[in-house]
Amino acid sequence: MNTPKPLWPGNKRIAVIFNVCLEAWSDGKAPGISPMGNPLPQGVLDHTAISWAAYGATRGIYRLMESFGRYNVKASVMTSAILAERTPAAVKAVGDNGHEIVSHSYTMDVMPAMLNEAEERANIKRCTDLLQNVSGKAIKGWLSPRATPSVNSSQLLSEAGFTWYGDTLADDLPWVQTHGDRKIVAIPLSTDVNDMPSMKYGTPPRAMLDTFEEHLNILLKHESGPAIIDVTTHAHIFGRPRGAYYHEKIIEAAAHSGEVWIATRLEVAQAVLAHQTTSR
């Protein structure tokens, strides 16, 4: 695969993408993890985990958008389409504030890898229609739960008119995939700067800021070409006061770096297409 040789717009060396996961599960389904360490017996619905996840759309996303607004930064918000039905005001607010709305499947338990081709095609259309109708914004990006695609996902998304998808961890930089006369940009999802360690392992929220600063310094010192840093947070995890505080410190550090281009995933895809990266 040939990677794009030019640097990012403005001759910046590092593209920083702020990904926010605005997630929900199907009725009668709970997240597989929650703040409570002791799992319930099999077959018992975990209503605590359900309420913990619901915080993202009721409170967390608004706190994170306030932080972005203070630095005029736009995020890529990976949105479960069911929230267009459950909490349409939250989905509309994301679009109204200028953030990119990314389709994150219908719910977190509806994964392309578990669907046949017809089911996946229908899921793509359902999600697109729901998110577009509520937000009034075109939906051009897709990232599946767990970033887990099916063998058909890239082709089906390109046929549906998507500009990019993020269901890959195969490289550092994006590339263009071609399906007939259609192109779609594959934008790998990096996992270095993520709030999940705080949830899963009790890592202090400040560690995410330290990781970002270390990662940025490593790339500036040891990488000569363009690079991407994904900063990924979940509205129901770091949308709470302590996590949001350190997340805003990351926004501030990125905004004040002369080497950083803060971009949405759609903007990255558009930059890659402008350079016509060779298909893999």
Protein backbone atom coordinates (compact mmCIF):
# COMPACT_ATOMS: atom_id res chain seq x y z
CA MET A 1 0.00 0.00 0.00
CA ASN A 2 1.23 3.51 -0.83
CA THR A 3 0.66 6.08 1.88
CA PRO A 4 0.07 9.73 1.08
CA LYS A 5 3.39 11.61 1.00
CA PRO A 6 2.15 15.18 1.50
CA LEU A 7 1.53 16.34 5.03
CA TRP A 8 -1.92 17.25 6.27
CA PRO A 9 -3.58 20.57 5.40
CA GLY A 10 -1.66 23.56 6.68
CA ASN A 11 1.52 21.44 6.39
CA LYS A 12 0.74 19.90 9.78
CA ARG A 13 2.50 16.68 10.69
CA ILE A 14 -0.08 15.14 13.02
CA ALA A 15 -3.84 14.80 12.51
CA VAL A 16 -5.68 14.47 15.82
CA ILE A 17 -9.18 13.02 15.62
CA PHE A 18 -11.50 13.30 18.60
CA ASN A 19 -13.84 10.31 18.51
CA VAL A 20 -16.81 10.33 20.88
CA CYS A 21 -18.79 7.12 21.29
CA LEU A 22 -22.48 7.87 21.90
CA GLU A 23 -23.71 4.34 22.42
CA ALA A 24 -26.83 2.38 23.28
CA TRP A 25 -27.96 -1.22 23.48
CA SER A 26 -31.17 -2.88 22.32
CA ASP A 27 -34.18 -3.13 24.61
CA GLY A 28 -33.55 -5.96 27.06
CA LYS A 29 -29.78 -5.85 26.48
CA ALA A 30 -27.11 -4.47 28.79
CA PRO A 31 -23.48 -3.51 28.22
CA GLY A 32 -21.04 -6.32 28.81
CA ILE A 33 -19.14 -4.20 31.31
CA SER A 34 -20.22 -1.73 33.97
CA PRO A 35 -18.77 -0.04 37.05
CA MET A 36 -19.96 -2.95 39.22
CA GLY A 37 -17.28 -5.59 39.37
CA ASN A 38 -19.45 -8.53 40.36
CA PRO A 39 -21.41 -9.98 37.42
CA LEU A 40 -25.04 -10.92 37.89
CA PRO A 41 -26.18 -14.53 37.47
CA GLN A 42 -26.75 -15.63 33.90
CA GLY A 43 -30.15 -14.56 32.61
CA VAL A 44 -30.54 -11.63 35.04
CA LEU A 45 -30.78 -8.29 33.24
CA ASP A 46 -28.26 -5.75 34.57
CA HIS A 47 -30.34 -2.59 34.95
CA THR A 48 -27.42 -0.82 36.65
CA ALA A 49 -25.28 -1.28 33.54
CA ILE A 50 -28.18 -0.04 31.38
CA SER A 51 -28.56 3.13 33.45
CA TRP A 52 -24.78 3.68 33.48
CA ALA A 53 -24.71 3.57 29.68
CA ALA A 54 -27.76 5.85 29.38
CA TYR A 55 -25.74 8.66 31.00
CA GLY A 56 -24.01 9.27 27.66
CA ALA A 57 -27.09 10.59 25.89
CA THR A 58 -28.70 12.28 28.89
CA ARG A 59 -25.69 14.14 30.31
CA GLY A 60 -22.26 13.08 29.07
CA ILE A 61 -22.50 14.15 25.44
CA TYR A 62 -23.57 17.66 26.44
CA ARG A 63 -20.64 18.08 28.84
CA LEU A 64 -18.18 16.92 26.17
CA MET A 65 -19.69 19.26 23.58
CA GLU A 66 -19.23 22.16 25.99
CA SER A 67 -15.52 21.30 26.19
CA PHE A 68 -15.18 21.10 22.42
CA GLY A 69 -16.99 24.40 22.07
CA ARG A 70 -14.53 26.22 24.29
CA TYR A 71 -11.78 25.43 21.76
CA ASN A 72 -13.90 25.47 18.59
CA VAL A 73 -13.06 21.81 17.98
CA LYS A 74 -15.27 19.41 16.05
CA ALA A 75 -15.47 15.70 16.88
CA SER A 76 -16.56 12.57 15.07
CA VAL A 77 -19.44 11.22 17.17
CA MET A 78 -20.04 7.51 16.70
CA THR A 79 -23.77 7.31 17.30
CA SER A 80 -25.99 4.28 17.83
CA ALA A 81 -28.92 4.95 15.50
CA ILE A 82 -31.47 3.80 18.07
CA LEU A 83 -30.73 7.05 19.91
CA ALA A 84 -32.44 8.91 17.07
CA GLU A 85 -35.57 7.18 18.36
CA ARG A 86 -34.87 7.26 22.11
CA THR A 87 -33.14 10.63 22.57
CA PRO A 88 -33.51 12.56 19.30
CA ALA A 89 -32.65 15.86 21.03
CA ALA A 90 -29.16 14.55 21.82
CA VAL A 91 -28.55 13.42 18.24
CA LYS A 92 -29.84 16.71 16.85
CA ALA A 93 -27.64 18.67 19.27
CA VAL A 94 -24.56 16.86 17.99
CA GLY A 95 -25.32 17.90 14.43
CA ASP A 96 -26.41 21.41 15.40
CA ASN A 97 -23.06 21.94 17.11
CA GLY A 98 -21.22 21.08 13.90
CA HIS A 99 -19.87 17.68 14.88
CA GLU A 100 -19.68 14.80 12.42
CA ILE A 101 -22.35 12.18 13.10
CA VAL A 102 -20.92 8.74 12.41
CA SER A 103 -23.18 5.73 12.13
CA HIS A 104 -22.28 3.20 14.84
CA SER A 105 -24.83 0.58 13.75
CA TYR A 106 -28.34 0.46 15.19
CA THR A 107 -27.21 -0.67 18.63
CA MET A 108 -24.01 -1.97 20.15
CA ASP A 109 -25.29 -5.53 19.98
CA VAL A 110 -26.08 -5.31 16.23
CA MET A 111 -22.73 -6.08 14.62
CA PRO A 112 -22.18 -6.51 10.87
CA ALA A 113 -20.13 -9.65 11.48
CA MET A 114 -23.28 -11.28 12.87
CA LEU A 115 -25.54 -10.33 9.94
CA ASN A 116 -26.04 -11.86 6.52
CA GLU A 117 -25.66 -9.60 3.49
CA ALA A 118 -29.35 -8.67 3.22
CA GLU A 119 -29.57 -7.94 6.94
CA GLU A 120 -26.45 -5.81 6.85
CA ARG A 121 -27.69 -3.85 3.84
CA ALA A 122 -30.99 -3.20 5.65
CA ASN A 123 -29.16 -2.17 8.84
CA ILE A 124 -27.04 0.36 6.94
CA LYS A 125 -30.14 1.93 5.39
CA ARG A 126 -32.05 1.95 8.66
CA CYS A 127 -29.23 3.66 10.53
CA THR A 128 -28.61 6.20 7.79
CA ASP A 129 -32.27 7.15 7.52
CA LEU A 130 -32.74 7.49 11.28
CA LEU A 131 -29.65 9.62 11.86
CA GLN A 132 -30.17 11.83 8.81
CA ASN A 133 -33.85 12.42 9.49
CA VAL A 134 -33.27 13.51 13.07
CA SER A 135 -30.05 15.49 12.59
CA GLY A 136 -30.69 16.93 9.15
CA LYS A 137 -27.06 16.07 8.32
CA ALA A 138 -25.68 13.74 5.67
CA ILE A 139 -24.15 10.60 7.18
CA LYS A 140 -20.90 9.82 5.38
CA GLY A 141 -18.96 7.73 7.90
CA TRP A 142 -19.43 4.35 9.55
CA LEU A 143 -17.68 2.59 12.40
CA SER A 144 -19.15 -0.65 13.71
CA PRO A 145 -19.36 -1.72 17.35
CA ARG A 146 -15.94 -3.15 18.23
CA ALA A 147 -14.84 -1.88 14.78
CA THR A 148 -15.94 -5.34 13.68
CA PRO A 149 -17.08 -5.56 10.03
CA SER A 150 -18.39 -8.40 7.95
CA VAL A 151 -16.63 -9.55 4.82
CA ASN A 152 -19.13 -7.41 2.87
CA SER A 153 -19.03 -4.18 4.88
CA SER A 154 -16.63 -2.12 2.77
CA GLN A 155 -18.50 -2.88 -0.45
CA LEU A 156 -21.97 -2.37 1.01
CA LEU A 157 -21.01 0.93 2.60
CA SER A 158 -19.45 2.19 -0.62
CA GLU A 159 -22.60 1.22 -2.51
CA ALA A 160 -24.65 3.15 0.05
CA GLY A 161 -22.62 6.29 -0.64
CA PHE A 162 -20.41 6.39 2.43
CA THR A 163 -17.12 8.28 2.12
CA TRP A 164 -15.24 6.35 4.80
CA TYR A 165 -15.44 3.51 7.27
CA GLY A 166 -13.25 2.70 10.27
CA ASP A 167 -13.57 -1.04 10.75
CA THR A 168 -9.86 -1.84 10.51
CA LEU A 169 -6.75 -1.75 12.66
CA ALA A 170 -4.48 -2.84 9.82
CA ASP A 171 -2.29 0.23 9.37
CA ASP A 172 -1.30 3.63 10.73
CA LEU A 173 -2.69 5.70 7.87
CA PRO A 174 -5.84 5.57 5.72
CA TRP A 175 -6.06 4.14 2.24
CA VAL A 176 -8.63 4.06 -0.55
CA GLN A 177 -10.55 0.91 -1.42
CA THR A 178 -12.26 0.57 -4.79
CA HIS A 179 -15.44 -1.39 -5.51
CA GLY A 180 -16.30 -1.09 -9.18
CA ASP A 181 -16.56 2.61 -9.89
CA ARG A 182 -16.95 3.54 -6.20
CA LYS A 183 -14.27 4.47 -3.69
CA ILE A 184 -14.33 4.39 0.09
CA VAL A 185 -11.58 5.45 2.48
CA ALA A 186 -10.55 2.99 5.17
CA ILE A 187 -9.45 4.96 8.24
CA PRO A 188 -7.82 2.67 10.83
CA LEU A 189 -8.90 3.07 14.42
CA SER A 190 -5.94 3.37 16.79
CA THR A 191 -6.45 2.48 20.43
CA ASP A 192 -3.53 4.15 22.24
CA VAL A 193 -5.47 7.14 23.59
CA ASN A 194 -8.75 5.78 24.92
CA ASP A 195 -10.82 6.07 28.09
CA MET A 196 -11.60 2.35 28.31
CA PRO A 197 -8.56 1.52 30.53
CA SER A 198 -10.04 3.86 33.14
CA MET A 199 -13.27 1.86 33.06
CA LYS A 200 -11.84 -1.66 32.77
CA TYR A 201 -8.70 -1.44 34.88
CA GLY A 202 -9.23 1.52 37.18
CA THR A 203 -6.54 3.59 35.47
CA PRO A 204 -6.68 7.20 36.75
CA PRO A 205 -8.35 9.52 34.21
CA ARG A 206 -5.22 11.69 34.12
CA ALA A 207 -3.38 8.76 32.50
CA MET A 208 -5.24 9.43 29.25
CA LEU A 209 -3.76 12.94 29.12
CA ASP A 210 -0.29 11.57 29.89
CA THR A 211 -0.68 8.97 27.15
CA PHE A 212 -1.73 11.58 24.61
CA GLU A 213 1.21 13.87 25.42
CA GLU A 214 3.67 10.96 25.28
CA HIS A 215 2.21 9.66 22.01
CA LEU A 216 2.35 13.12 20.42
CA ASN A 217 5.99 13.58 21.46
CA ILE A 218 6.97 10.15 20.12
CA LEU A 219 5.41 10.86 16.73
CA LEU A 220 7.00 14.31 16.49
CA LYS A 221 10.44 12.96 17.34
CA HIS A 222 10.43 9.67 15.46
CA GLU A 223 8.01 9.97 12.51
CA SER A 224 8.89 12.15 9.54
CA GLY A 225 5.70 11.75 7.53
CA PRO A 226 2.05 12.34 8.33
CA ALA A 227 0.51 10.55 11.29
CA ILE A 228 -2.84 10.25 13.06
CA ILE A 229 -3.72 10.15 16.74
CA ASP A 230 -7.21 8.94 17.63
CA VAL A 231 -8.48 10.31 20.93
CA THR A 232 -11.45 8.13 21.74
CA THR A 233 -13.82 8.70 24.62
CA HIS A 234 -17.24 7.35 25.50
CA ALA A 235 -19.95 9.80 26.49
CA HIS A 236 -21.04 7.48 29.31
CA ILE A 237 -17.49 7.06 30.66
CA PHE A 238 -15.49 10.29 30.27
CA GLY A 239 -18.61 12.39 29.88
CA ARG A 240 -18.63 12.52 33.70
CA PRO A 241 -16.92 15.44 35.47
CA ARG A 242 -13.52 13.95 36.31
CA GLY A 243 -12.99 12.26 32.96
CA ALA A 244 -14.28 15.29 31.06
CA TYR A 245 -11.81 17.51 32.91
CA TYR A 246 -8.79 15.55 31.69
CA HIS A 247 -10.34 15.06 28.26
CA GLU A 248 -10.55 18.85 27.94
CA LYS A 249 -6.86 19.06 28.82
CA ILE A 250 -6.19 16.87 25.78
CA ILE A 251 -8.30 19.17 23.60
CA GLU A 252 -6.33 22.13 24.93
CA ALA A 253 -2.95 20.47 24.27
CA ALA A 254 -3.94 19.55 20.71
CA ALA A 255 -5.37 22.99 20.00
CA HIS A 256 -2.19 24.71 21.19
CA SER A 257 0.25 22.51 19.23
CA GLY A 258 1.60 24.07 16.07
CA GLU A 259 2.17 20.62 14.56
CA VAL A 260 -1.42 19.38 14.97
CA TRP A 261 -4.33 19.51 12.54
CA ILE A 262 -7.52 18.72 14.49
CA ALA A 263 -9.89 17.06 12.06
CA THR A 264 -12.99 14.94 11.87
CA ARG A 265 -12.75 11.56 10.23
CA LEU A 266 -14.68 12.90 7.26
CA GLU A 267 -12.13 15.68 6.83
CA VAL A 268 -9.31 13.13 6.96
CA ALA A 269 -11.07 11.03 4.32
CA GLN A 270 -11.50 14.07 2.09
CA ALA A 271 -7.80 14.91 2.44
CA VAL A 272 -6.85 11.35 1.52
CA LEU A 273 -9.11 11.37 -1.54
CA ALA A 274 -7.57 14.66 -2.60
CA HIS A 275 -4.20 12.89 -2.67
CA GLN A 276 -5.73 9.85 -4.43
CA THR A 277 -4.07 7.23 -2.25
CA THR A 278 -3.45 3.99 -4.11
CA SER A 279 -5.96 1.24 -3.34
CA ARG A 280 -4.78 -1.64 -1.18
